[in-house]
N, C-alpha and C. Protein backbone atom coordinates (compact mmCIF):
# COMPACT_ATOMS: atom_id res chain seq x y z
N MET A 1 215.63 211.94 149.18
CA MET A 1 217.10 212.72 149.34
C MET A 1 217.24 213.56 147.84
N ASP A 2 218.08 214.76 148.43
CA ASP A 2 218.05 215.49 147.71
C ASP A 2 218.69 215.34 145.93
N GLN A 3 218.12 216.01 145.16
CA GLN A 3 218.67 215.67 143.76
C GLN A 3 220.43 215.88 143.17
N LYS A 4 221.44 216.37 144.31
CA LYS A 4 222.28 216.79 144.02
C LYS A 4 223.17 215.46 145.57
N THR A 5 222.54 215.28 146.15
CA THR A 5 223.03 214.38 147.25
C THR A 5 223.14 213.28 145.98
N TYR A 6 224.76 212.12 146.17
CA TYR A 6 224.62 211.28 146.03
C TYR A 6 224.73 210.69 147.72
N ALA A 7 225.04 209.28 146.69
CA ALA A 7 225.04 208.41 148.63
C ALA A 7 226.93 207.81 148.71
N ILE A 8 227.15 207.97 149.95
CA ILE A 8 228.44 207.52 149.94
C ILE A 8 228.88 205.54 150.44
N GLN A 9 229.28 204.85 149.37
CA GLN A 9 229.53 203.62 149.93
C GLN A 9 230.40 202.91 149.71
N TRP A 10 231.02 202.87 150.94
CA TRP A 10 232.36 202.40 151.40
C TRP A 10 232.70 200.71 150.63
N ARG A 11 233.69 200.27 149.16
CA ARG A 11 233.94 199.14 149.16
C ARG A 11 234.33 198.20 150.15
N PRO A 12 234.57 197.12 150.61
CA PRO A 12 235.10 196.45 151.78
C PRO A 12 236.51 196.77 151.45
N ALA A 13 237.21 196.82 150.99
CA ALA A 13 239.06 197.47 150.11
C ALA A 13 239.02 198.20 151.43
N ALA A 14 238.30 198.87 150.92
CA ALA A 14 238.38 200.42 151.63
C ALA A 14 238.01 200.09 153.51
N VAL A 15 237.34 199.72 153.70
CA VAL A 15 236.85 199.27 154.73
C VAL A 15 237.99 198.80 155.98
N ALA A 16 238.57 197.86 154.87
CA ALA A 16 239.52 197.00 155.32
C ALA A 16 241.03 197.65 156.02
N ASP A 17 241.06 198.95 154.80
CA ASP A 17 242.44 200.07 154.53
C ASP A 17 241.98 200.96 156.43
N LEU A 18 241.09 200.40 156.52
CA LEU A 18 240.69 202.32 157.35
C LEU A 18 241.01 201.30 158.91
N ASP A 19 240.47 200.20 158.41
CA ASP A 19 240.42 199.08 159.75
C ASP A 19 241.92 198.70 159.72
N ALA A 20 243.02 198.78 159.23
CA ALA A 20 244.25 199.02 158.89
C ALA A 20 245.15 199.99 159.74
N ILE A 21 244.38 200.94 159.25
CA ILE A 21 244.55 202.17 160.03
C ILE A 21 244.80 202.44 161.34
N ILE A 22 243.47 201.99 161.35
CA ILE A 22 242.78 202.25 162.78
C ILE A 22 243.87 201.38 163.97
N ASP A 23 244.16 200.19 163.67
CA ASP A 23 244.82 199.13 164.24
C ASP A 23 246.22 199.53 164.64
N PHE A 24 246.53 200.20 163.86
CA PHE A 24 248.23 200.73 163.80
C PHE A 24 248.41 201.59 164.54
N ILE A 25 246.99 202.30 164.20
CA ILE A 25 247.42 203.99 165.15
C ILE A 25 247.36 203.30 167.05
N GLY A 26 245.83 202.80 166.97
CA GLY A 26 245.46 202.12 168.40
C GLY A 26 246.48 201.15 168.78
N LYS A 27 247.52 201.12 168.38
CA LYS A 27 248.82 200.04 168.97
C LYS A 27 249.22 201.27 169.86
N ASP A 28 249.74 202.48 169.65
CA ASP A 28 250.07 203.77 170.30
C ASP A 28 249.42 204.22 171.61
N SER A 29 247.45 204.40 171.08
CA SER A 29 246.49 205.40 171.36
C SER A 29 245.29 204.85 170.44
N PRO A 30 244.86 204.31 171.40
CA PRO A 30 243.12 203.66 170.97
C PRO A 30 242.31 204.85 170.75
N LYS A 31 242.57 205.78 171.58
CA LYS A 31 241.59 207.41 171.32
C LYS A 31 241.90 207.82 170.39
N THR A 32 242.52 208.00 169.87
CA THR A 32 243.19 209.16 168.72
C THR A 32 242.72 207.57 167.83
N ALA A 33 243.61 206.63 167.67
CA ALA A 33 243.44 205.53 166.70
C ALA A 33 241.71 206.18 166.53
N GLY A 34 240.52 205.69 167.24
CA GLY A 34 239.20 206.20 167.01
C GLY A 34 238.99 207.21 166.07
N GLU A 35 239.40 207.88 166.81
CA GLU A 35 239.50 210.17 166.58
C GLU A 35 239.57 209.91 165.20
N PHE A 36 240.78 209.37 164.93
CA PHE A 36 241.22 209.44 163.06
C PHE A 36 241.05 208.66 162.32
N GLY A 37 240.09 207.89 162.77
CA GLY A 37 239.40 206.81 161.88
C GLY A 37 238.40 208.03 161.13
N GLU A 38 237.48 208.09 162.28
CA GLU A 38 236.21 208.74 162.54
C GLU A 38 236.45 210.50 161.38
N LEU A 39 237.99 211.09 161.74
CA LEU A 39 238.42 212.22 160.70
C LEU A 39 238.21 211.87 159.71
N LEU A 40 238.86 210.65 159.40
CA LEU A 40 238.87 210.39 157.96
C LEU A 40 237.70 209.90 157.06
N ARG A 41 236.86 209.23 158.16
CA ARG A 41 235.25 208.92 157.43
C ARG A 41 234.81 210.22 156.76
N GLU A 42 234.58 211.40 157.64
CA GLU A 42 234.02 212.40 157.76
C GLU A 42 234.56 213.15 156.65
N LYS A 43 235.88 213.12 155.96
CA LYS A 43 236.20 213.73 155.37
C LYS A 43 235.76 213.48 153.71
N THR A 44 235.58 212.14 153.76
CA THR A 44 234.42 211.97 152.41
C THR A 44 233.18 212.04 152.10
N LEU A 45 232.54 212.32 153.37
CA LEU A 45 231.20 213.14 153.12
C LEU A 45 230.87 213.99 152.10
N MET A 46 232.17 215.09 151.57
CA MET A 46 231.71 216.39 150.99
C MET A 46 231.47 216.12 149.90
N LEU A 47 231.76 214.35 149.27
CA LEU A 47 231.82 213.55 148.23
C LEU A 47 230.37 213.63 147.88
N ALA A 48 228.91 213.74 149.01
CA ALA A 48 227.57 213.40 148.69
C ALA A 48 227.24 214.04 147.75
N ASP A 49 227.51 215.86 148.43
CA ASP A 49 227.51 216.68 147.35
C ASP A 49 228.29 217.51 146.24
N HIS A 50 229.73 216.77 146.33
CA HIS A 50 230.85 217.11 145.69
C HIS A 50 231.79 216.00 144.84
N PRO A 51 230.57 215.53 144.20
CA PRO A 51 231.51 213.50 143.84
C PRO A 51 232.77 214.13 142.69
N GLN A 52 232.99 215.24 142.12
CA GLN A 52 233.91 215.52 141.12
C GLN A 52 235.22 216.60 142.05
N ALA A 53 235.05 216.46 143.38
CA ALA A 53 236.06 217.22 144.55
C ALA A 53 237.54 216.54 144.32
N GLY A 54 237.62 215.31 143.38
CA GLY A 54 238.47 214.63 143.70
C GLY A 54 239.58 214.86 142.30
N LYS A 55 240.38 214.08 141.74
CA LYS A 55 241.18 214.58 140.67
C LYS A 55 241.69 213.18 140.12
N SER A 56 241.66 212.87 138.86
CA SER A 56 241.79 211.85 137.97
C SER A 56 243.34 212.01 137.58
N GLY A 57 243.74 210.79 136.59
CA GLY A 57 245.07 210.85 136.01
C GLY A 57 245.94 210.50 136.93
N ARG A 58 245.97 209.72 138.21
CA ARG A 58 247.49 209.10 138.38
C ARG A 58 247.77 207.52 137.39
N PRO A 59 249.00 207.94 137.58
CA PRO A 59 249.43 206.72 136.26
C PRO A 59 249.16 204.89 136.28
N GLY A 60 248.55 204.44 135.58
CA GLY A 60 248.70 202.98 136.62
C GLY A 60 247.05 202.92 137.01
N LEU A 61 246.67 203.75 136.72
CA LEU A 61 244.49 203.81 137.58
C LEU A 61 244.14 203.87 136.29
N PRO A 62 242.67 203.21 136.47
CA PRO A 62 241.60 203.37 135.37
C PRO A 62 241.22 205.14 135.39
N ALA A 63 241.09 205.60 134.15
CA ALA A 63 240.76 206.70 134.44
C ALA A 63 239.48 207.45 135.06
N TYR A 64 238.47 205.87 135.54
CA TYR A 64 237.16 206.49 136.47
C TYR A 64 237.83 206.14 137.47
N VAL A 65 239.33 206.46 137.98
CA VAL A 65 238.81 206.52 139.71
C VAL A 65 240.14 207.91 140.32
N LEU A 66 239.09 208.25 140.79
CA LEU A 66 240.02 209.60 141.24
C LEU A 66 240.02 209.07 142.65
N GLU A 67 240.74 210.23 142.90
CA GLU A 67 241.27 210.53 144.10
C GLU A 67 241.22 211.88 145.10
N LEU A 68 241.75 211.86 146.53
CA LEU A 68 240.68 213.04 147.08
C LEU A 68 241.91 212.66 148.64
N VAL A 69 242.32 213.60 148.19
CA VAL A 69 243.19 213.35 149.71
C VAL A 69 242.98 214.10 150.91
N VAL A 70 242.49 213.14 151.99
CA VAL A 70 241.33 213.79 152.58
C VAL A 70 242.91 213.69 154.11
N HIS A 71 244.19 213.82 153.95
CA HIS A 71 245.09 214.23 155.53
C HIS A 71 246.44 214.32 154.49
N ARG A 72 247.28 214.80 155.38
CA ARG A 72 248.59 214.88 154.30
C ARG A 72 249.16 213.52 154.28
N HIS A 73 248.30 212.96 154.90
CA HIS A 73 249.12 211.40 154.72
C HIS A 73 248.77 210.45 154.00
N TYR A 74 247.59 210.25 153.85
CA TYR A 74 245.97 209.97 153.06
C TYR A 74 245.48 210.12 152.37
N ILE A 75 245.14 209.01 150.66
CA ILE A 75 244.12 209.64 149.84
C ILE A 75 243.13 208.60 149.63
N VAL A 76 242.63 209.05 149.78
CA VAL A 76 241.05 208.22 149.21
C VAL A 76 240.79 208.32 147.71
N PHE A 77 240.80 206.79 147.22
CA PHE A 77 240.32 206.32 145.53
C PHE A 77 239.03 206.53 145.64
N TYR A 78 238.18 206.70 145.13
CA TYR A 78 236.85 206.31 144.73
C TYR A 78 236.25 206.82 142.92
N ARG A 79 235.36 206.43 143.03
CA ARG A 79 234.92 206.45 141.28
C ARG A 79 232.95 206.77 142.14
N ILE A 80 232.81 207.45 140.84
CA ILE A 80 231.45 208.15 141.43
C ILE A 80 230.68 207.03 139.24
N ARG A 81 229.27 206.31 140.60
CA ARG A 81 228.56 205.74 139.33
C ARG A 81 227.12 207.04 139.63
N SER A 82 227.12 207.69 138.52
CA SER A 82 226.43 208.98 138.58
C SER A 82 225.36 207.93 137.81
N SER A 83 224.49 207.26 137.23
CA SER A 83 223.28 206.58 137.11
C SER A 83 223.28 206.32 138.41
N LYS A 84 223.27 205.68 139.70
CA LYS A 84 222.85 205.05 140.59
C LYS A 84 223.89 206.13 142.14
N ARG A 85 223.74 207.55 141.47
CA ARG A 85 224.05 208.54 142.58
C ARG A 85 224.82 207.65 143.86
N ILE A 86 225.67 206.96 143.18
CA ILE A 86 226.79 206.54 143.75
C ILE A 86 228.16 207.65 144.41
N VAL A 87 228.97 207.35 145.22
CA VAL A 87 230.82 207.43 145.62
C VAL A 87 230.90 206.47 145.62
N GLU A 88 231.43 205.42 145.18
CA GLU A 88 232.53 204.55 145.90
C GLU A 88 233.66 204.45 146.20
N ILE A 89 233.40 204.23 147.61
CA ILE A 89 235.27 204.47 147.91
C ILE A 89 235.51 203.58 147.83
N LEU A 90 236.50 203.49 146.96
CA LEU A 90 237.58 202.07 147.06
C LEU A 90 238.83 201.63 147.81
N ARG A 91 239.32 203.06 148.09
CA ARG A 91 240.53 202.26 148.75
C ARG A 91 240.62 203.22 149.79
N ILE A 92 241.65 203.60 150.01
CA ILE A 92 242.23 204.60 152.01
C ILE A 92 243.67 204.28 151.79
N LYS A 93 244.69 204.92 151.11
CA LYS A 93 246.39 204.32 151.48
C LYS A 93 247.06 205.69 152.18
N HIS A 94 247.73 205.04 152.81
CA HIS A 94 249.14 206.25 153.44
C HIS A 94 249.96 206.76 151.65
N THR A 95 250.43 208.23 151.85
CA THR A 95 250.78 208.23 150.52
C THR A 95 252.32 207.47 150.87
N ALA A 96 253.22 207.37 151.48
CA ALA A 96 254.09 206.50 150.71
C ALA A 96 253.90 205.17 150.47
N ARG A 97 252.23 204.33 150.63
CA ARG A 97 252.36 203.18 150.35
C ARG A 97 252.49 203.23 148.55
N GLN A 98 252.16 202.02 148.15
CA GLN A 98 251.59 202.32 146.53
C GLN A 98 250.27 202.44 146.53
N THR A 99 249.86 202.98 145.17
CA THR A 99 249.13 202.59 144.88
C THR A 99 248.02 201.44 144.90
N PRO A 100 246.64 202.00 144.58
CA PRO A 100 245.91 200.45 144.93
C PRO A 100 245.85 199.90 143.36
């Protein structure tokens, strides 16, 4: 693995969030739901090379939690585990919903 590259690790809550998004969209269009789920996952891949791309400072969240807008309606919350070279995807939320 390249020295600059971090592994992307989805936590169970984030996987459940993504599954819920896909299920919700899938009620109208299963094909679109699957494609959209893949799009959201792909948007997180850039964090492997650019883990600091997100921003921190959302009120009510710990300082170590960063957020990345992956779609105009969805935000990924993540943390960087530098010692292990891992970016942990913690949650993915619709912008209209409360933060994790």
